[in-house]
């Protein structure tokens, strides 16, 4: 019977770094898009 490796792979170490970076970029981009749309409605409604 072959021995099983005891070291965990990088995917099992918890939250992957690339996924965290992608999540941050999507959240920041979504908030910037929302702020831009809010600004458009604020400026359009005042005129």
N, C-alpha and C. Protein backbone atom coordinates (compact mmCIF):
# COMPACT_ATOMS: atom_id res chain seq x y z
N UNK A 1 0.85 -1.18 0.00
CA UNK A 1 0.00 0.00 0.00
C UNK A 1 0.90 1.25 0.00
N UNK A 2 0.66 2.19 -0.94
CA UNK A 2 1.52 3.38 -1.01
C UNK A 2 1.25 4.32 0.16
N UNK A 3 2.29 4.99 0.58
CA UNK A 3 2.16 5.94 1.68
C UNK A 3 1.47 7.21 1.20
N UNK A 4 0.62 7.73 2.04
CA UNK A 4 -0.07 8.97 1.68
C UNK A 4 0.79 10.16 2.06
N UNK A 5 0.81 11.19 1.22
CA UNK A 5 1.59 12.39 1.59
C UNK A 5 0.93 13.11 2.75
N UNK A 6 1.74 13.58 3.67
CA UNK A 6 1.21 14.26 4.85
C UNK A 6 1.10 15.77 4.66
N UNK A 7 1.87 16.31 3.72
CA UNK A 7 1.83 17.75 3.49
C UNK A 7 0.57 18.11 2.71
N UNK A 8 -0.07 19.18 3.14
CA UNK A 8 -1.28 19.63 2.45
C UNK A 8 -0.89 20.37 1.18
N UNK A 9 -1.76 20.29 0.19
CA UNK A 9 -1.52 21.06 -1.02
C UNK A 9 -1.86 22.52 -0.76
N UNK A 10 -1.48 23.40 -1.66
CA UNK A 10 -1.71 24.82 -1.46
C UNK A 10 -3.20 25.15 -1.51
N UNK A 11 -4.00 24.31 -2.14
CA UNK A 11 -5.44 24.57 -2.21
C UNK A 11 -6.14 24.26 -0.90
N UNK A 12 -5.54 23.48 -0.04
CA UNK A 12 -6.18 23.09 1.21
C UNK A 12 -5.73 23.94 2.39
N UNK A 13 -4.90 24.92 2.17
CA UNK A 13 -4.35 25.72 3.26
C UNK A 13 -5.29 26.82 3.73
N UNK A 14 -6.47 26.91 3.20
CA UNK A 14 -7.40 27.94 3.61
C UNK A 14 -7.80 28.79 2.42
N UNK A 15 -7.91 30.09 2.65
CA UNK A 15 -8.38 31.01 1.62
C UNK A 15 -7.26 31.29 0.63
N UNK A 16 -7.42 30.97 -0.64
CA UNK A 16 -6.36 31.24 -1.62
C UNK A 16 -6.14 32.74 -1.81
N UNK A 17 -4.90 33.13 -1.97
CA UNK A 17 -4.57 34.55 -2.09
C UNK A 17 -5.18 35.17 -3.35
N UNK A 18 -5.14 34.44 -4.47
CA UNK A 18 -5.68 34.98 -5.72
C UNK A 18 -7.18 35.23 -5.61
N UNK A 19 -7.88 34.36 -4.91
CA UNK A 19 -9.32 34.55 -4.73
C UNK A 19 -9.60 35.78 -3.87
N UNK A 20 -8.78 36.00 -2.86
CA UNK A 20 -8.94 37.18 -2.02
C UNK A 20 -8.70 38.47 -2.79
N UNK A 21 -7.68 38.46 -3.64
CA UNK A 21 -7.39 39.65 -4.45
C UNK A 21 -8.52 39.91 -5.43
N UNK A 22 -9.02 38.85 -6.06
CA UNK A 22 -10.12 39.00 -7.02
C UNK A 22 -11.38 39.51 -6.32
N UNK A 23 -11.65 39.01 -5.13
CA UNK A 23 -12.81 39.46 -4.37
C UNK A 23 -12.68 40.93 -4.02
N UNK A 24 -11.49 41.36 -3.60
CA UNK A 24 -11.27 42.77 -3.27
C UNK A 24 -11.46 43.65 -4.49
N UNK A 25 -10.92 43.22 -5.64
CA UNK A 25 -11.05 44.02 -6.87
C UNK A 25 -12.51 44.14 -7.29
N UNK A 26 -13.26 43.03 -7.22
CA UNK A 26 -14.67 43.08 -7.59
C UNK A 26 -15.47 43.96 -6.63
N UNK A 27 -15.19 43.86 -5.35
CA UNK A 27 -15.91 44.69 -4.38
C UNK A 27 -15.59 46.17 -4.57
N UNK A 28 -14.31 46.49 -4.74
CA UNK A 28 -13.92 47.88 -4.94
C UNK A 28 -14.51 48.43 -6.24
N UNK A 29 -14.44 47.64 -7.30
CA UNK A 29 -15.00 48.07 -8.59
C UNK A 29 -16.50 48.26 -8.52
N UNK A 30 -17.18 47.37 -7.84
CA UNK A 30 -18.63 47.50 -7.70
C UNK A 30 -19.02 48.74 -6.92
N UNK A 31 -18.25 49.05 -5.88
CA UNK A 31 -18.54 50.25 -5.11
C UNK A 31 -18.24 51.51 -5.92
N UNK A 32 -17.18 51.49 -6.70
CA UNK A 32 -16.88 52.65 -7.55
C UNK A 32 -17.95 52.85 -8.61
N UNK A 33 -18.43 51.77 -9.21
CA UNK A 33 -19.50 51.87 -10.19
C UNK A 33 -20.77 52.40 -9.54
N UNK A 34 -21.09 51.90 -8.36
CA UNK A 34 -22.27 52.39 -7.65
C UNK A 34 -22.16 53.86 -7.29
N UNK A 35 -20.98 54.29 -6.86
CA UNK A 35 -20.77 55.70 -6.53
C UNK A 35 -20.89 56.58 -7.77
N UNK A 36 -20.40 56.09 -8.90
CA UNK A 36 -20.50 56.85 -10.15
C UNK A 36 -21.96 56.99 -10.58
N UNK A 37 -22.72 55.90 -10.50
CA UNK A 37 -24.13 55.97 -10.86
C UNK A 37 -24.90 56.88 -9.90
N UNK A 38 -24.58 56.81 -8.61
CA UNK A 38 -25.23 57.69 -7.64
C UNK A 38 -24.93 59.15 -7.97
N UNK A 39 -23.68 59.44 -8.32
CA UNK A 39 -23.31 60.81 -8.68
C UNK A 39 -24.07 61.27 -9.92
N UNK A 40 -24.22 60.39 -10.91
CA UNK A 40 -24.97 60.76 -12.11
C UNK A 40 -26.42 61.11 -11.76
N UNK A 41 -27.05 60.32 -10.92
CA UNK A 41 -28.43 60.59 -10.54
C UNK A 41 -28.54 61.85 -9.69
N UNK A 42 -27.57 62.09 -8.83
CA UNK A 42 -27.59 63.31 -8.02
C UNK A 42 -27.45 64.55 -8.90
N UNK A 43 -26.53 64.51 -9.83
CA UNK A 43 -26.32 65.67 -10.70
C UNK A 43 -27.47 65.83 -11.69
N UNK A 44 -28.02 64.73 -12.16
CA UNK A 44 -29.14 64.81 -13.10
C UNK A 44 -30.42 65.26 -12.43
N UNK A 45 -30.61 64.94 -11.18
CA UNK A 45 -31.83 65.32 -10.47
C UNK A 45 -31.82 66.76 -10.01
N UNK A 46 -30.66 67.37 -9.91
CA UNK A 46 -30.59 68.74 -9.40
C UNK A 46 -30.86 69.76 -10.50
N UNK A 47 -30.83 69.35 -11.75
CA UNK A 47 -31.00 70.30 -12.85
C UNK A 47 -32.36 70.28 -13.32
